Amino acid sequence: MATPRKPRRSSAKSAKPPVGAYLDGQMLIAMPAMGDERFSRSVIYVCAHSTEGAMGIIVNQPAANIKFPDLLVQLEVIPAAERIELPSQDVKILKGGPVETGRGFVLHSADFFIENSTLPINQGICLTATLDILKAIANGSGPHDAILALGYAGWAPGQLEQEIQENGWLHCDADPELIFGADTEAKYNKALRKIGIDLGQLSSQAGHA
């Protein structure tokens, strides 16, 4: 993955951002009426957003039947014999989105950085998409917090803005629990609560929520 160019941050905090605002470092929350099943009840951390489009990682869709140690063996990061010796085996593997599902993208805390490979995003969150970070995690020198996403969500120029205007998405500020929390099932409701919304009372129209 080419390193996305870092756009300017948005300070928008309402359900719909002002025209021209960028949402990198924010969480997108799918509206209940989301028509695309791939994004149903999804919470997405926006890694890059500019006039050239947007890219994000879904943080609440676990990848079924894939364990981190097994993936490291599959990618030849470690030999099979070392699988049970990993210092940390609880890195959560997620379905990050429908684009490039065969590639891994690691969202992680800013205590780990690889020059020319790690993209700092916002509020101590970074993105690295090289095998080096998996090797570091395997030998115990990786970041304190990390999730591994297979694939990502991508939008063409103006596409995300249009979907927001058509009431496809809400957004809220990001926090470590929403990104790295182990309870992926709870993230959707937690994200809605951050902007004062009860799912049971949420209208399908963002402007009336």
N, C-alpha and C. Protein backbone atom coordinates (compact mmCIF):
# COMPACT_ATOMS: atom_id res chain seq x y z
N MET A 1 0.83 -1.19 0.00
CA MET A 1 0.00 0.00 0.00
C MET A 1 0.87 1.24 0.00
N ALA A 2 0.63 2.15 -0.90
CA ALA A 2 1.35 3.39 -0.90
C ALA A 2 0.96 4.19 0.34
N THR A 3 1.93 4.84 0.96
CA THR A 3 1.63 5.62 2.16
C THR A 3 0.74 6.79 1.81
N PRO A 4 -0.46 6.88 2.42
CA PRO A 4 -1.36 7.97 2.08
C PRO A 4 -0.77 9.31 2.47
N ARG A 5 -1.04 10.34 1.68
CA ARG A 5 -0.61 11.67 2.02
C ARG A 5 -1.43 12.17 3.18
N LYS A 6 -0.79 12.81 4.15
CA LYS A 6 -1.47 13.23 5.37
C LYS A 6 -2.27 14.50 5.11
N PRO A 7 -3.61 14.43 5.10
CA PRO A 7 -4.41 15.63 4.92
C PRO A 7 -4.56 16.38 6.23
N ARG A 8 -5.10 17.59 6.16
CA ARG A 8 -5.30 18.36 7.38
C ARG A 8 -6.42 17.75 8.21
N ARG A 9 -6.34 17.94 9.52
CA ARG A 9 -7.31 17.37 10.44
C ARG A 9 -8.61 18.14 10.42
N SER A 10 -9.67 17.44 10.73
CA SER A 10 -10.96 18.09 10.94
C SER A 10 -11.19 18.32 12.42
N SER A 11 -11.81 19.44 12.74
CA SER A 11 -12.21 19.69 14.12
C SER A 11 -13.71 19.50 14.28
N ALA A 12 -14.37 18.96 13.24
CA ALA A 12 -15.82 18.79 13.28
C ALA A 12 -16.21 17.76 14.32
N LYS A 13 -17.30 18.04 15.07
CA LYS A 13 -17.75 17.13 16.10
C LYS A 13 -19.23 16.80 15.94
N SER A 14 -19.89 17.37 14.97
CA SER A 14 -21.30 17.10 14.79
C SER A 14 -21.48 15.82 13.98
N ALA A 15 -22.74 15.38 13.85
CA ALA A 15 -23.00 14.15 13.12
C ALA A 15 -22.58 14.26 11.67
N LYS A 16 -22.78 15.44 11.08
CA LYS A 16 -22.33 15.68 9.71
C LYS A 16 -21.23 16.74 9.73
N PRO A 17 -20.09 16.47 9.09
CA PRO A 17 -19.02 17.46 9.09
C PRO A 17 -19.35 18.60 8.14
N PRO A 18 -18.81 19.81 8.40
CA PRO A 18 -19.01 20.90 7.46
C PRO A 18 -18.41 20.57 6.11
N VAL A 19 -18.91 21.21 5.07
CA VAL A 19 -18.38 21.00 3.73
C VAL A 19 -16.89 21.36 3.73
N GLY A 20 -16.07 20.48 3.18
CA GLY A 20 -14.63 20.73 3.11
C GLY A 20 -13.85 20.18 4.29
N ALA A 21 -14.54 19.67 5.33
CA ALA A 21 -13.83 19.14 6.49
C ALA A 21 -13.33 17.73 6.20
N TYR A 22 -12.18 17.40 6.76
CA TYR A 22 -11.62 16.07 6.59
C TYR A 22 -11.70 15.31 7.91
N LEU A 23 -11.90 14.01 7.81
CA LEU A 23 -12.20 13.20 8.99
C LEU A 23 -11.10 12.23 9.36
N ASP A 24 -9.86 12.46 8.89
CA ASP A 24 -8.78 11.57 9.31
C ASP A 24 -8.63 11.66 10.83
N GLY A 25 -8.46 10.47 11.46
CA GLY A 25 -8.37 10.41 12.90
C GLY A 25 -9.71 10.33 13.60
N GLN A 26 -10.80 10.27 12.85
CA GLN A 26 -12.15 10.16 13.40
C GLN A 26 -12.69 8.75 13.14
N MET A 27 -13.80 8.42 13.82
CA MET A 27 -14.48 7.16 13.60
C MET A 27 -15.74 7.40 12.78
N LEU A 28 -15.92 6.65 11.71
CA LEU A 28 -17.18 6.63 10.98
C LEU A 28 -18.08 5.56 11.60
N ILE A 29 -19.37 5.87 11.71
CA ILE A 29 -20.34 4.93 12.26
C ILE A 29 -21.44 4.72 11.23
N ALA A 30 -21.60 3.49 10.77
CA ALA A 30 -22.62 3.22 9.75
C ALA A 30 -24.01 3.44 10.30
N MET A 31 -24.87 4.12 9.54
CA MET A 31 -26.26 4.26 9.93
C MET A 31 -26.95 2.90 9.85
N PRO A 32 -27.98 2.66 10.67
CA PRO A 32 -28.68 1.37 10.63
C PRO A 32 -29.25 1.03 9.26
N ALA A 33 -29.57 2.04 8.48
CA ALA A 33 -30.14 1.80 7.16
C ALA A 33 -29.08 1.61 6.07
N MET A 34 -27.81 1.46 6.47
CA MET A 34 -26.73 1.27 5.50
C MET A 34 -27.09 0.15 4.52
N GLY A 35 -27.11 0.46 3.23
CA GLY A 35 -27.53 -0.51 2.22
C GLY A 35 -26.46 -1.53 1.86
N ASP A 36 -25.20 -1.19 2.07
CA ASP A 36 -24.10 -2.09 1.71
C ASP A 36 -23.82 -3.02 2.89
N GLU A 37 -24.12 -4.30 2.74
CA GLU A 37 -23.97 -5.26 3.84
C GLU A 37 -22.53 -5.39 4.33
N ARG A 38 -21.58 -5.07 3.48
CA ARG A 38 -20.19 -5.15 3.90
C ARG A 38 -19.87 -4.17 5.02
N PHE A 39 -20.68 -3.11 5.11
CA PHE A 39 -20.44 -2.08 6.11
C PHE A 39 -21.55 -2.01 7.16
N SER A 40 -22.43 -3.00 7.19
CA SER A 40 -23.53 -3.00 8.15
C SER A 40 -23.01 -2.93 9.59
N ARG A 41 -23.50 -1.96 10.36
CA ARG A 41 -23.11 -1.75 11.76
C ARG A 41 -21.60 -1.63 11.93
N SER A 42 -20.92 -1.11 10.96
CA SER A 42 -19.47 -1.01 11.03
C SER A 42 -19.03 0.29 11.70
N VAL A 43 -17.89 0.19 12.36
CA VAL A 43 -17.20 1.35 12.91
C VAL A 43 -15.83 1.39 12.24
N ILE A 44 -15.52 2.51 11.62
CA ILE A 44 -14.31 2.60 10.79
C ILE A 44 -13.41 3.73 11.29
N TYR A 45 -12.14 3.41 11.52
CA TYR A 45 -11.17 4.45 11.84
C TYR A 45 -10.63 5.01 10.53
N VAL A 46 -10.78 6.32 10.34
CA VAL A 46 -10.36 6.96 9.09
C VAL A 46 -8.87 7.28 9.18
N CYS A 47 -8.09 6.62 8.33
CA CYS A 47 -6.64 6.80 8.34
C CYS A 47 -6.19 7.98 7.47
N ALA A 48 -6.91 8.23 6.39
CA ALA A 48 -6.55 9.33 5.49
C ALA A 48 -7.80 9.83 4.79
N HIS A 49 -7.92 11.14 4.67
CA HIS A 49 -9.08 11.74 4.01
C HIS A 49 -8.64 13.08 3.42
N SER A 50 -8.83 13.23 2.14
CA SER A 50 -8.45 14.46 1.46
C SER A 50 -9.27 14.59 0.19
N THR A 51 -8.94 15.57 -0.63
CA THR A 51 -9.63 15.73 -1.91
C THR A 51 -9.37 14.54 -2.83
N GLU A 52 -8.37 13.73 -2.52
CA GLU A 52 -8.03 12.57 -3.35
C GLU A 52 -8.80 11.32 -2.95
N GLY A 53 -9.62 11.41 -1.91
CA GLY A 53 -10.38 10.26 -1.47
C GLY A 53 -10.16 9.98 0.01
N ALA A 54 -10.53 8.78 0.43
CA ALA A 54 -10.40 8.43 1.84
C ALA A 54 -10.06 6.95 1.98
N MET A 55 -9.43 6.62 3.10
CA MET A 55 -9.06 5.24 3.40
C MET A 55 -9.25 5.02 4.89
N GLY A 56 -9.83 3.88 5.27
CA GLY A 56 -10.04 3.60 6.68
C GLY A 56 -10.01 2.11 6.96
N ILE A 57 -10.01 1.77 8.25
CA ILE A 57 -9.96 0.39 8.71
C ILE A 57 -11.20 0.12 9.56
N ILE A 58 -11.97 -0.93 9.20
CA ILE A 58 -13.10 -1.35 10.02
C ILE A 58 -12.53 -2.00 11.28
N VAL A 59 -13.00 -1.53 12.46
CA VAL A 59 -12.39 -2.00 13.71
C VAL A 59 -13.31 -2.91 14.52
N ASN A 60 -14.48 -3.26 13.96
CA ASN A 60 -15.40 -4.09 14.76
C ASN A 60 -15.93 -5.31 14.00
N GLN A 61 -15.16 -5.79 13.03
CA GLN A 61 -15.54 -7.01 12.32
C GLN A 61 -14.42 -8.04 12.41
N PRO A 62 -14.47 -8.96 13.38
CA PRO A 62 -13.41 -9.96 13.52
C PRO A 62 -13.31 -10.85 12.30
N ALA A 63 -12.08 -11.23 11.98
CA ALA A 63 -11.86 -12.20 10.91
C ALA A 63 -12.06 -13.59 11.48
N ALA A 64 -12.99 -14.33 10.90
CA ALA A 64 -13.35 -15.64 11.45
C ALA A 64 -12.24 -16.67 11.25
N ASN A 65 -12.03 -17.48 12.27
CA ASN A 65 -11.16 -18.66 12.19
C ASN A 65 -9.71 -18.34 11.82
N ILE A 66 -9.24 -17.14 12.17
CA ILE A 66 -7.84 -16.81 11.94
C ILE A 66 -7.23 -16.35 13.25
N LYS A 67 -6.16 -17.02 13.68
CA LYS A 67 -5.47 -16.63 14.90
C LYS A 67 -4.12 -16.02 14.55
N PHE A 68 -3.71 -15.05 15.35
CA PHE A 68 -2.50 -14.30 15.05
C PHE A 68 -1.26 -15.20 14.91
N PRO A 69 -1.00 -16.12 15.82
CA PRO A 69 0.18 -16.97 15.66
C PRO A 69 0.15 -17.79 14.36
N ASP A 70 -1.03 -18.29 14.00
CA ASP A 70 -1.15 -19.06 12.76
C ASP A 70 -0.86 -18.19 11.54
N LEU A 71 -1.33 -16.93 11.60
CA LEU A 71 -1.09 -16.02 10.48
C LEU A 71 0.40 -15.72 10.34
N LEU A 72 1.09 -15.56 11.47
CA LEU A 72 2.53 -15.30 11.41
C LEU A 72 3.27 -16.47 10.76
N VAL A 73 2.83 -17.68 11.05
CA VAL A 73 3.44 -18.85 10.42
C VAL A 73 3.13 -18.87 8.93
N GLN A 74 1.88 -18.57 8.60
CA GLN A 74 1.46 -18.57 7.20
C GLN A 74 2.25 -17.55 6.37
N LEU A 75 2.54 -16.40 6.98
CA LEU A 75 3.29 -15.34 6.29
C LEU A 75 4.80 -15.53 6.39
N GLU A 76 5.20 -16.63 7.03
CA GLU A 76 6.62 -16.97 7.21
C GLU A 76 7.35 -15.92 8.02
N VAL A 77 6.63 -15.26 8.93
CA VAL A 77 7.26 -14.33 9.85
C VAL A 77 8.00 -15.10 10.93
N ILE A 78 7.41 -16.23 11.35
CA ILE A 78 8.06 -17.12 12.32
C ILE A 78 7.91 -18.55 11.81
N PRO A 79 8.82 -19.45 12.20
CA PRO A 79 8.64 -20.86 11.88
C PRO A 79 7.56 -21.47 12.76
N ALA A 80 6.95 -22.52 12.28
CA ALA A 80 5.84 -23.14 13.01
C ALA A 80 6.26 -23.57 14.42
N ALA A 81 7.50 -23.97 14.59
CA ALA A 81 7.97 -24.45 15.89
C ALA A 81 7.96 -23.36 16.96
N GLU A 82 7.97 -22.09 16.54
CA GLU A 82 8.02 -20.99 17.50
C GLU A 82 6.63 -20.45 17.83
N ARG A 83 5.60 -21.05 17.27
CA ARG A 83 4.25 -20.53 17.45
C ARG A 83 3.86 -20.41 18.92
N ILE A 84 4.18 -21.41 19.71
CA ILE A 84 3.75 -21.40 21.12
C ILE A 84 4.67 -20.56 22.00
N GLU A 85 5.75 -20.02 21.43
CA GLU A 85 6.70 -19.24 22.22
C GLU A 85 6.49 -17.74 22.07
N LEU A 86 5.46 -17.33 21.34
CA LEU A 86 5.24 -15.90 21.11
C LEU A 86 5.00 -15.18 22.43
N PRO A 87 5.64 -14.01 22.64
CA PRO A 87 5.41 -13.26 23.87
C PRO A 87 4.00 -12.68 23.95
N SER A 88 3.37 -12.46 22.79
CA SER A 88 2.00 -11.94 22.79
C SER A 88 1.21 -12.61 21.68
N GLN A 89 0.10 -13.26 22.06
CA GLN A 89 -0.69 -13.97 21.07
C GLN A 89 -2.11 -13.43 20.98
N ASP A 90 -2.34 -12.26 21.58
CA ASP A 90 -3.70 -11.76 21.65
C ASP A 90 -3.98 -10.60 20.69
N VAL A 91 -3.15 -10.43 19.67
CA VAL A 91 -3.40 -9.40 18.67
C VAL A 91 -4.65 -9.78 17.89
N LYS A 92 -5.63 -8.91 17.90
CA LYS A 92 -6.90 -9.23 17.25
C LYS A 92 -6.79 -9.04 15.74
N ILE A 93 -7.31 -10.00 14.99
CA ILE A 93 -7.32 -9.92 13.53
C ILE A 93 -8.73 -9.56 13.08
N LEU A 94 -8.82 -8.51 12.28
CA LEU A 94 -10.11 -7.99 11.84
C LEU A 94 -10.24 -8.01 10.33
N LYS A 95 -11.48 -7.96 9.87
CA LYS A 95 -11.75 -7.73 8.45
C LYS A 95 -11.77 -6.22 8.27
N GLY A 96 -10.68 -5.68 7.76
CA GLY A 96 -10.53 -4.23 7.71
C GLY A 96 -11.32 -3.54 6.63
N GLY A 97 -11.80 -4.29 5.66
CA GLY A 97 -12.56 -3.70 4.57
C GLY A 97 -12.45 -4.55 3.32
N PRO A 98 -13.21 -4.19 2.29
CA PRO A 98 -13.27 -5.04 1.09
C PRO A 98 -12.15 -4.84 0.08
N VAL A 99 -11.24 -3.90 0.33
CA VAL A 99 -10.16 -3.62 -0.63
C VAL A 99 -8.88 -4.30 -0.17
N GLU A 100 -8.20 -4.99 -1.09
CA GLU A 100 -6.92 -5.67 -0.82
C GLU A 100 -7.01 -6.55 0.43
N THR A 101 -7.97 -7.45 0.43
CA THR A 101 -8.20 -8.30 1.59
C THR A 101 -7.06 -9.29 1.86
N GLY A 102 -6.16 -9.43 0.93
CA GLY A 102 -5.02 -10.32 1.14
C GLY A 102 -3.85 -9.64 1.80
N ARG A 103 -3.98 -8.35 2.09
CA ARG A 103 -2.89 -7.60 2.72
C ARG A 103 -3.23 -7.24 4.15
N GLY A 104 -2.21 -7.15 4.97
CA GLY A 104 -2.40 -6.79 6.37
C GLY A 104 -2.04 -5.35 6.64
N PHE A 105 -2.87 -4.69 7.45
CA PHE A 105 -2.64 -3.30 7.83
C PHE A 105 -2.75 -3.23 9.35
N VAL A 106 -1.71 -2.76 10.00
CA VAL A 106 -1.68 -2.74 11.46
C VAL A 106 -1.93 -1.32 11.97
N LEU A 107 -3.03 -1.14 12.69
CA LEU A 107 -3.27 0.09 13.45
C LEU A 107 -2.63 -0.11 14.81
N HIS A 108 -1.87 0.87 15.27
CA HIS A 108 -1.15 0.65 16.52
C HIS A 108 -0.86 1.96 17.24
N SER A 109 -0.47 1.81 18.50
CA SER A 109 -0.09 2.96 19.31
C SER A 109 1.23 3.53 18.81
N ALA A 110 1.46 4.81 19.16
CA ALA A 110 2.59 5.54 18.59
C ALA A 110 3.93 5.24 19.26
N ASP A 111 3.97 4.25 20.15
CA ASP A 111 5.23 3.87 20.78
C ASP A 111 6.09 3.00 19.87
N PHE A 112 5.61 2.76 18.66
CA PHE A 112 6.36 1.98 17.67
C PHE A 112 6.35 2.75 16.36
N PHE A 113 7.52 2.86 15.73
CA PHE A 113 7.62 3.64 14.49
C PHE A 113 8.71 3.08 13.60
N ILE A 114 8.39 2.89 12.33
CA ILE A 114 9.39 2.47 11.34
C ILE A 114 9.51 3.59 10.31
N GLU A 115 10.69 4.13 10.18
CA GLU A 115 10.93 5.22 9.24
C GLU A 115 10.53 4.81 7.82
N ASN A 116 9.79 5.68 7.15
CA ASN A 116 9.32 5.48 5.77
C ASN A 116 8.29 4.37 5.62
N SER A 117 7.83 3.80 6.72
CA SER A 117 6.81 2.75 6.65
C SER A 117 5.59 3.06 7.51
N THR A 118 5.81 3.75 8.62
CA THR A 118 4.72 4.04 9.55
C THR A 118 4.13 5.41 9.26
N LEU A 119 2.80 5.46 9.19
CA LEU A 119 2.08 6.72 8.96
C LEU A 119 1.45 7.18 10.27
N PRO A 120 1.94 8.28 10.86
CA PRO A 120 1.26 8.83 12.04
C PRO A 120 -0.07 9.44 11.58
N ILE A 121 -1.13 9.16 12.32
CA ILE A 121 -2.45 9.66 11.90
C ILE A 121 -2.93 10.77 12.83
N ASN A 122 -3.23 10.40 14.07
CA ASN A 122 -3.79 11.40 14.98
C ASN A 122 -3.86 10.83 16.38
N GLN A 123 -3.67 11.67 17.38
CA GLN A 123 -3.87 11.28 18.79
C GLN A 123 -3.15 9.99 19.16
N GLY A 124 -1.92 9.88 18.73
CA GLY A 124 -1.11 8.74 19.14
C GLY A 124 -1.41 7.44 18.41
N ILE A 125 -2.12 7.51 17.28
CA ILE A 125 -2.45 6.32 16.49
C ILE A 125 -1.67 6.34 15.19
N CYS A 126 -1.11 5.19 14.82
CA CYS A 126 -0.32 5.08 13.59
C CYS A 126 -0.78 3.87 12.78
N LEU A 127 -0.38 3.86 11.52
CA LEU A 127 -0.67 2.76 10.61
C LEU A 127 0.62 2.28 9.98
N THR A 128 0.86 0.96 10.03
CA THR A 128 2.02 0.37 9.37
C THR A 128 1.54 -0.84 8.58
N ALA A 129 2.02 -0.96 7.34
CA ALA A 129 1.52 -2.02 6.47
C ALA A 129 2.66 -2.88 5.93
N THR A 130 3.72 -3.06 6.71
CA THR A 130 4.83 -3.90 6.29
C THR A 130 4.99 -5.07 7.27
N LEU A 131 5.66 -6.12 6.82
CA LEU A 131 5.88 -7.29 7.67
C LEU A 131 6.78 -6.99 8.86
N ASP A 132 7.54 -5.89 8.78
CA ASP A 132 8.47 -5.59 9.87
C ASP A 132 7.75 -5.44 11.20
N ILE A 133 6.56 -4.85 11.20
CA ILE A 133 5.85 -4.67 12.46
C ILE A 133 5.37 -6.01 13.02
N LEU A 134 5.00 -6.93 12.13
CA LEU A 134 4.60 -8.26 12.61
C LEU A 134 5.79 -8.99 13.22
N LYS A 135 6.96 -8.81 12.62
CA LYS A 135 8.17 -9.42 13.19
C LYS A 135 8.46 -8.83 14.57
N ALA A 136 8.27 -7.52 14.69
CA ALA A 136 8.52 -6.86 15.97
C ALA A 136 7.53 -7.36 17.04
N ILE A 137 6.27 -7.50 16.66
CA ILE A 137 5.28 -8.02 17.61
C ILE A 137 5.64 -9.44 18.02
N ALA A 138 6.07 -10.24 17.07
CA ALA A 138 6.41 -11.63 17.34
C ALA A 138 7.57 -11.77 18.32
N ASN A 139 8.55 -10.83 18.25
CA ASN A 139 9.70 -10.95 19.14
C ASN A 139 9.58 -10.09 20.39
N GLY A 140 8.39 -9.50 20.58
CA GLY A 140 8.15 -8.76 21.82
C GLY A 140 8.55 -7.31 21.81
N SER A 141 8.97 -6.77 20.65
CA SER A 141 9.40 -5.37 20.59
C SER A 141 8.42 -4.49 19.81
N GLY A 142 7.20 -4.98 19.64
CA GLY A 142 6.20 -4.23 18.89
C GLY A 142 5.49 -3.19 19.74
N PRO A 143 4.44 -2.57 19.22
CA PRO A 143 3.70 -1.53 19.95
C PRO A 143 2.91 -2.11 21.11
N HIS A 144 2.57 -1.26 22.06
CA HIS A 144 1.79 -1.69 23.22
C HIS A 144 0.40 -2.13 22.81
N ASP A 145 -0.21 -1.38 21.89
CA ASP A 145 -1.56 -1.69 21.40
C ASP A 145 -1.51 -1.86 19.89
N ALA A 146 -2.19 -2.88 19.38
CA ALA A 146 -2.20 -3.10 17.94
C ALA A 146 -3.37 -4.00 17.55
N ILE A 147 -3.92 -3.73 16.39
CA ILE A 147 -4.86 -4.65 15.74
C ILE A 147 -4.38 -4.85 14.31
N LEU A 148 -4.58 -6.06 13.81
CA LEU A 148 -4.19 -6.39 12.45
C LEU A 148 -5.44 -6.53 11.60
N ALA A 149 -5.55 -5.70 10.59
CA ALA A 149 -6.71 -5.73 9.71
C ALA A 149 -6.32 -6.31 8.35
N LEU A 150 -7.17 -7.21 7.86
CA LEU A 150 -6.98 -7.75 6.51
C LEU A 150 -7.86 -6.95 5.57
N GLY A 151 -7.24 -6.16 4.71
CA GLY A 151 -7.97 -5.28 3.81
C GLY A 151 -8.30 -3.95 4.45
N TYR A 152 -8.89 -3.07 3.64
CA TYR A 152 -9.27 -1.75 4.14
C TYR A 152 -10.48 -1.24 3.36
N ALA A 153 -11.06 -0.16 3.84
CA ALA A 153 -12.17 0.49 3.16
C ALA A 153 -11.63 1.71 2.42
N GLY A 154 -12.02 1.86 1.18
CA GLY A 154 -11.52 2.98 0.38
C GLY A 154 -12.64 3.72 -0.32
N TRP A 155 -12.47 5.02 -0.49
CA TRP A 155 -13.44 5.86 -1.18
C TRP A 155 -12.74 6.70 -2.24
N ALA A 156 -13.36 6.85 -3.39
CA ALA A 156 -12.85 7.71 -4.46
C ALA A 156 -13.03 9.18 -4.06
N PRO A 157 -12.40 10.11 -4.79
CA PRO A 157 -12.57 11.53 -4.46
C PRO A 157 -14.05 11.93 -4.40
N GLY A 158 -14.44 12.52 -3.29
CA GLY A 158 -15.80 13.00 -3.11
C GLY A 158 -16.82 11.94 -2.71
N GLN A 159 -16.44 10.66 -2.77
CA GLN A 159 -17.41 9.59 -2.51
C GLN A 159 -17.85 9.55 -1.06
N LEU A 160 -16.91 9.66 -0.12
CA LEU A 160 -17.28 9.63 1.29
C LEU A 160 -18.16 10.82 1.64
N GLU A 161 -17.81 11.99 1.13
CA GLU A 161 -18.61 13.18 1.40
C GLU A 161 -20.05 12.98 0.91
N GLN A 162 -20.19 12.37 -0.26
CA GLN A 162 -21.52 12.13 -0.80
C GLN A 162 -22.30 11.15 0.07
N GLU A 163 -21.64 10.09 0.51
CA GLU A 163 -22.31 9.09 1.36
C GLU A 163 -22.74 9.71 2.69
N ILE A 164 -21.94 10.63 3.23
CA ILE A 164 -22.31 11.30 4.46
C ILE A 164 -23.52 12.20 4.24
N GLN A 165 -23.51 12.93 3.14
CA GLN A 165 -24.65 13.80 2.83
C GLN A 165 -25.93 13.00 2.59
N GLU A 166 -25.76 11.75 2.13
CA GLU A 166 -26.93 10.89 1.90
C GLU A 166 -27.28 10.08 3.15
N ASN A 167 -26.75 10.49 4.29
CA ASN A 167 -27.07 9.89 5.58
C ASN A 167 -26.61 8.44 5.71
N GLY A 168 -25.45 8.13 5.09
CA GLY A 168 -24.89 6.79 5.23
C GLY A 168 -24.06 6.63 6.48
N TRP A 169 -23.48 7.77 6.95
CA TRP A 169 -22.53 7.69 8.06
C TRP A 169 -22.73 8.81 9.06
N LEU A 170 -22.51 8.49 10.33
CA LEU A 170 -22.27 9.46 11.38
C LEU A 170 -20.77 9.42 11.68
N HIS A 171 -20.29 10.29 12.57
CA HIS A 171 -18.90 10.17 12.98
C HIS A 171 -18.74 10.66 14.40
N CYS A 172 -17.66 10.20 15.04
CA CYS A 172 -17.36 10.61 16.41
C CYS A 172 -15.84 10.64 16.57
N ASP A 173 -15.40 11.23 17.69
CA ASP A 173 -13.98 11.24 18.00
C ASP A 173 -13.51 9.81 18.27
N ALA A 174 -12.28 9.55 17.91
CA ALA A 174 -11.69 8.23 18.18
C ALA A 174 -11.18 8.17 19.61
N ASP A 175 -11.08 6.96 20.13
CA ASP A 175 -10.39 6.74 21.40
C ASP A 175 -9.80 5.33 21.36
N PRO A 176 -8.80 5.05 22.21
CA PRO A 176 -8.13 3.75 22.15
C PRO A 176 -9.07 2.57 22.35
N GLU A 177 -10.10 2.71 23.19
CA GLU A 177 -11.00 1.60 23.44
C GLU A 177 -11.79 1.25 22.18
N LEU A 178 -12.23 2.26 21.44
CA LEU A 178 -12.95 1.99 20.20
C LEU A 178 -12.06 1.31 19.15
N ILE A 179 -10.80 1.67 19.15
CA ILE A 179 -9.89 1.11 18.15
C ILE A 179 -9.37 -0.26 18.58
N PHE A 180 -8.83 -0.33 19.80
CA PHE A 180 -8.11 -1.54 20.23
C PHE A 180 -8.90 -2.43 21.19
N GLY A 181 -10.07 -2.00 21.64
CA GLY A 181 -10.83 -2.77 22.62
C GLY A 181 -11.12 -4.18 22.16
N ALA A 182 -11.08 -5.11 23.09
CA ALA A 182 -11.26 -6.53 22.76
C ALA A 182 -12.71 -6.87 22.43
N ASP A 183 -13.64 -6.11 22.97
CA ASP A 183 -15.06 -6.40 22.76
C ASP A 183 -15.55 -5.72 21.48
N THR A 184 -15.32 -6.39 20.35
CA THR A 184 -15.70 -5.78 19.06
C THR A 184 -17.21 -5.63 18.93
N GLU A 185 -17.97 -6.52 19.56
CA GLU A 185 -19.43 -6.46 19.47
C GLU A 185 -19.97 -5.16 20.07
N ALA A 186 -19.31 -4.65 21.08
CA ALA A 186 -19.82 -3.48 21.79
C ALA A 186 -19.42 -2.16 21.15
N LYS A 187 -18.52 -2.19 20.19
CA LYS A 187 -17.98 -0.94 19.66
C LYS A 187 -19.02 -0.09 18.94
N TYR A 188 -19.97 -0.72 18.27
CA TYR A 188 -20.97 0.06 17.52
C TYR A 188 -21.81 0.91 18.47
N ASN A 189 -22.33 0.29 19.52
CA ASN A 189 -23.12 1.05 20.49
C ASN A 189 -22.28 2.08 21.24
N LYS A 190 -21.04 1.72 21.55
CA LYS A 190 -20.16 2.67 22.25
C LYS A 190 -19.91 3.90 21.40
N ALA A 191 -19.70 3.70 20.10
CA ALA A 191 -19.46 4.83 19.22
C ALA A 191 -20.68 5.74 19.15
N LEU A 192 -21.86 5.14 19.06
CA LEU A 192 -23.09 5.94 19.03
C LEU A 192 -23.27 6.72 20.33
N ARG A 193 -22.96 6.08 21.45
CA ARG A 193 -23.12 6.76 22.74
C ARG A 193 -22.18 7.96 22.88
N LYS A 194 -21.03 7.91 22.21
CA LYS A 194 -20.10 9.04 22.27
C LYS A 194 -20.72 10.31 21.71
N ILE A 195 -21.68 10.18 20.80
CA ILE A 195 -22.35 11.37 20.26
C ILE A 195 -23.78 11.47 20.77
N GLY A 196 -24.05 10.78 21.90
CA GLY A 196 -25.32 10.94 22.57
C GLY A 196 -26.50 10.28 21.90
N ILE A 197 -26.26 9.18 21.18
CA ILE A 197 -27.34 8.52 20.44
C ILE A 197 -27.62 7.15 21.02
N ASP A 198 -28.89 6.87 21.25
CA ASP A 198 -29.36 5.55 21.64
C ASP A 198 -29.80 4.83 20.38
N LEU A 199 -29.22 3.65 20.12
CA LEU A 199 -29.53 2.93 18.89
C LEU A 199 -31.02 2.71 18.72
N GLY A 200 -31.71 2.45 19.82
CA GLY A 200 -33.15 2.18 19.73
C GLY A 200 -33.96 3.38 19.28
N GLN A 201 -33.39 4.58 19.45
CA GLN A 201 -34.12 5.79 19.09
C GLN A 201 -33.58 6.43 17.81
N LEU A 202 -32.57 5.80 17.22
CA LEU A 202 -31.91 6.41 16.07
C LEU A 202 -32.76 6.34 14.83
N SER A 203 -33.02 7.48 14.24
CA SER A 203 -33.72 7.54 12.96
C SER A 203 -32.77 7.13 11.86
N SER A 204 -33.33 6.66 10.78
CA SER A 204 -32.50 6.33 9.62
C SER A 204 -31.99 7.60 8.92
N GLN A 205 -32.49 8.74 9.37
CA GLN A 205 -32.06 10.01 8.80
C GLN A 205 -31.12 10.70 9.77
N ALA A 206 -29.86 10.83 9.43
CA ALA A 206 -28.86 11.41 10.36
C ALA A 206 -29.27 12.82 10.76
N GLY A 207 -29.89 13.57 9.87
CA GLY A 207 -30.23 14.93 10.18
C GLY A 207 -31.31 15.05 11.22
N HIS A 208 -32.03 13.94 11.51
CA HIS A 208 -33.10 13.98 12.49
C HIS A 208 -32.75 13.19 13.75
N ALA A 209 -31.51 12.69 13.82
CA ALA A 209 -31.12 11.85 14.96
C ALA A 209 -31.02 12.70 16.22
